[in-house]
């Protein structure tokens, strides 16, 4: 004979569905970002020459760059310890995002999309740091003589996710 359940699962207020998995079903989006990011980086490494650029349109070139730092090459000349700092920081952020996704209601849309984009981008860049010690960047946006720092698909996903999170704060139904 079994006793009462010690830790019953939390339930949604509407319908009694379990909330243990929350919005984890959005992890497919993170996986998609990682696959596209890693595929694009492998193509960039295989096809681009690190000493030249390929013009796609007048304001957009493909270049091959390796960033050992964070955004805008922050700490790129720090001597190598920053690799492990950024890997650890990204893994903590990824764990936090997975937890956050788990706690969101299953019917949430915008917040889990934003978080899954950030998670996929962070994971894509962590893979680079673990595998080669630097993040592969290959997109060079420029206007006139001004160049935005080179970036990649993962960086774009992180920025899009962050923008969605910010926009979601202005919406009442941001879930």
Protein backbone atom coordinates (compact mmCIF):
# COMPACT_ATOMS: atom_id res chain seq x y z
CA UNK A 1 0.00 0.00 0.00
CA UNK A 2 1.46 3.31 -0.96
CA UNK A 3 1.20 6.45 1.11
CA UNK A 4 0.21 9.95 0.04
CA UNK A 5 2.37 11.65 -2.56
CA UNK A 6 5.00 13.70 -0.77
CA UNK A 7 5.66 16.37 -3.40
CA UNK A 8 2.69 16.67 -5.73
CA UNK A 9 3.42 18.58 -8.94
CA UNK A 10 2.35 22.20 -9.13
CA UNK A 11 -0.68 22.66 -11.34
CA UNK A 12 -1.89 25.35 -13.65
CA UNK A 13 -4.87 27.28 -12.31
CA UNK A 14 -6.77 26.41 -15.51
CA UNK A 15 -7.22 22.73 -15.99
CA UNK A 16 -4.82 21.11 -13.53
CA UNK A 17 -2.06 20.49 -16.08
CA UNK A 18 1.40 20.04 -14.62
CA UNK A 19 3.70 23.07 -14.74
CA UNK A 20 6.91 21.16 -14.11
CA UNK A 21 7.99 21.58 -17.69
CA UNK A 22 6.62 25.11 -18.10
CA UNK A 23 7.82 26.53 -21.39
CA UNK A 24 10.68 24.05 -21.87
CA UNK A 25 9.10 23.05 -25.16
CA UNK A 26 10.71 26.24 -26.53
CA UNK A 27 14.14 24.62 -26.28
CA UNK A 28 13.70 23.52 -29.90
CA UNK A 29 14.23 27.17 -30.81
CA UNK A 30 17.50 27.25 -28.85
CA UNK A 31 18.66 24.10 -30.61
CA UNK A 32 17.78 25.64 -33.98
CA UNK A 33 19.87 28.74 -33.15
CA UNK A 34 22.84 26.55 -32.13
CA UNK A 35 22.65 24.47 -35.33
CA UNK A 36 22.38 27.51 -37.62
CA UNK A 37 25.10 29.37 -35.70
CA UNK A 38 27.57 26.49 -35.69
CA UNK A 39 26.89 25.69 -39.36
CA UNK A 40 27.48 29.31 -40.37
CA UNK A 41 30.69 29.47 -38.33
CA UNK A 42 32.01 26.24 -39.85
CA UNK A 43 31.27 27.63 -43.32
CA UNK A 44 32.99 30.92 -42.47
CA UNK A 45 36.12 29.15 -41.23
CA UNK A 46 36.18 26.89 -44.30
CA UNK A 47 35.53 29.54 -46.95
CA UNK A 48 36.80 32.88 -45.67
CA UNK A 49 40.37 34.12 -45.73
CA UNK A 50 41.30 35.81 -42.42
CA UNK A 51 43.28 38.48 -44.29
CA UNK A 52 40.49 39.73 -46.55
CA UNK A 53 36.76 40.38 -46.69
CA UNK A 54 33.96 39.50 -49.09
CA UNK A 55 31.51 42.27 -49.91
CA UNK A 56 27.89 41.09 -50.01
CA UNK A 57 26.30 44.52 -50.36
CA UNK A 58 27.86 47.97 -49.91
CA UNK A 59 27.25 47.97 -46.13
CA UNK A 60 27.75 44.29 -45.35
CA UNK A 61 30.88 42.18 -45.67
CA UNK A 62 31.89 38.72 -44.59
CA UNK A 63 35.14 38.60 -42.61
CA UNK A 64 36.79 35.97 -40.46
CA UNK A 65 37.63 37.08 -36.95
CA UNK A 66 38.28 35.27 -33.69
CA UNK A 67 37.14 37.06 -30.54
CA UNK A 68 38.73 35.88 -27.29
CA UNK A 69 36.89 38.57 -25.35
CA UNK A 70 33.24 39.38 -24.75
CA UNK A 71 31.05 41.89 -26.58
CA UNK A 72 33.06 44.49 -28.49
CA UNK A 73 36.21 42.41 -27.73
CA UNK A 74 36.03 43.37 -24.05
CA UNK A 75 38.96 41.67 -22.23
CA UNK A 76 40.27 40.17 -25.48
CA UNK A 77 43.86 40.91 -24.46
CA UNK A 78 43.56 39.66 -20.88
CA UNK A 79 45.90 36.71 -21.32
CA UNK A 80 43.57 33.70 -21.54
CA UNK A 81 41.89 33.52 -18.13
CA UNK A 82 38.85 35.33 -19.57
CA UNK A 83 38.02 32.24 -21.68
CA UNK A 84 37.10 30.30 -18.54
CA UNK A 85 35.34 33.27 -16.98
CA UNK A 86 33.11 33.69 -20.03
CA UNK A 87 32.44 29.94 -20.28
CA UNK A 88 31.45 29.79 -16.60
CA UNK A 89 29.35 32.94 -16.80
CA UNK A 90 27.54 31.69 -19.91
CA UNK A 91 26.84 28.30 -18.32
CA UNK A 92 25.37 29.98 -15.22
CA UNK A 93 23.21 32.19 -17.44
CA UNK A 94 22.09 29.15 -19.47
CA UNK A 95 21.10 27.30 -16.28
CA UNK A 96 19.19 30.37 -15.07
CA UNK A 97 17.35 30.64 -18.40
CA UNK A 98 16.38 26.95 -18.38
CA UNK A 99 15.04 27.39 -14.85
CA UNK A 100 13.14 30.52 -15.91
CA UNK A 101 11.66 28.68 -18.90
CA UNK A 102 10.60 25.84 -16.62
CA UNK A 103 8.72 28.26 -14.37
CA UNK A 104 6.84 30.05 -17.16
CA UNK A 105 3.28 29.02 -17.96
CA UNK A 106 2.99 26.59 -20.87
CA UNK A 107 0.90 29.06 -22.86
CA UNK A 108 3.47 31.88 -22.64
CA UNK A 109 4.79 33.00 -26.05
CA UNK A 110 7.01 36.08 -26.14
CA UNK A 111 9.11 35.55 -23.03
CA UNK A 112 10.02 31.93 -23.83
CA UNK A 113 10.85 32.89 -27.41
CA UNK A 114 13.13 35.66 -26.15
CA UNK A 115 14.78 33.40 -23.58
CA UNK A 116 15.26 30.56 -26.06
CA UNK A 117 16.99 32.91 -28.51
CA UNK A 118 19.33 34.13 -25.77
CA UNK A 119 19.97 30.56 -24.61
CA UNK A 120 20.75 29.33 -28.13
CA UNK A 121 23.09 32.25 -28.76
CA UNK A 122 24.91 31.79 -25.46
CA UNK A 123 25.27 28.06 -26.10
CA UNK A 124 26.58 28.66 -29.63
CA UNK A 125 29.30 30.99 -28.36
CA UNK A 126 30.17 28.65 -25.46
CA UNK A 127 30.73 25.84 -27.95
CA UNK A 128 33.30 28.02 -29.74
CA UNK A 129 35.06 29.00 -26.53
CA UNK A 130 35.31 25.38 -25.39
CA UNK A 131 36.29 24.04 -28.82
CA UNK A 132 38.76 26.67 -30.06
CA UNK A 133 39.22 29.17 -27.23
CA UNK A 134 37.57 32.06 -29.08
CA UNK A 135 34.26 32.98 -30.70
CA UNK A 136 34.15 32.94 -34.50
CA UNK A 137 32.74 36.19 -35.87
CA UNK A 138 32.13 36.74 -39.57
CA UNK A 139 29.51 39.45 -40.19
CA UNK A 140 30.86 42.98 -40.72
CA UNK A 141 28.26 45.75 -40.91
CA UNK A 142 29.62 49.17 -41.84
CA UNK A 143 28.55 52.60 -42.98
CA UNK A 144 31.16 54.77 -44.63
CA UNK A 145 34.34 54.27 -42.67
CA UNK A 146 32.55 53.23 -39.47
CA UNK A 147 32.47 49.48 -38.76
CA UNK A 148 30.31 47.78 -36.16
CA UNK A 149 32.37 45.07 -34.42
CA UNK A 150 32.18 41.76 -36.30
CA UNK A 151 29.48 39.43 -35.00
CA UNK A 152 27.79 36.11 -35.74
CA UNK A 153 24.42 34.33 -35.72
CA UNK A 154 24.62 33.63 -31.97
CA UNK A 155 25.22 37.30 -31.21
CA UNK A 156 22.25 38.23 -33.40
CA UNK A 157 20.01 35.75 -31.56
CA UNK A 158 21.12 37.13 -28.19
CA UNK A 159 20.36 40.71 -29.30
CA UNK A 160 16.98 39.74 -30.77
CA UNK A 161 16.08 37.86 -27.58
CA UNK A 162 17.12 40.77 -25.39
CA UNK A 163 15.08 43.17 -27.53
CA UNK A 164 12.03 40.89 -27.22
CA UNK A 165 12.45 40.79 -23.44
CA UNK A 166 12.60 44.58 -23.29
CA UNK A 167 9.61 44.97 -25.60
CA UNK A 168 7.74 42.41 -23.53
CA UNK A 169 8.03 44.61 -20.45
CA UNK A 170 5.85 47.16 -22.24
CA UNK A 171 3.16 44.63 -23.06
CA UNK A 172 0.56 43.55 -20.55
CA UNK A 173 0.37 40.09 -22.04
CA UNK A 174 4.14 39.70 -22.27
CA UNK A 175 4.00 35.99 -21.45
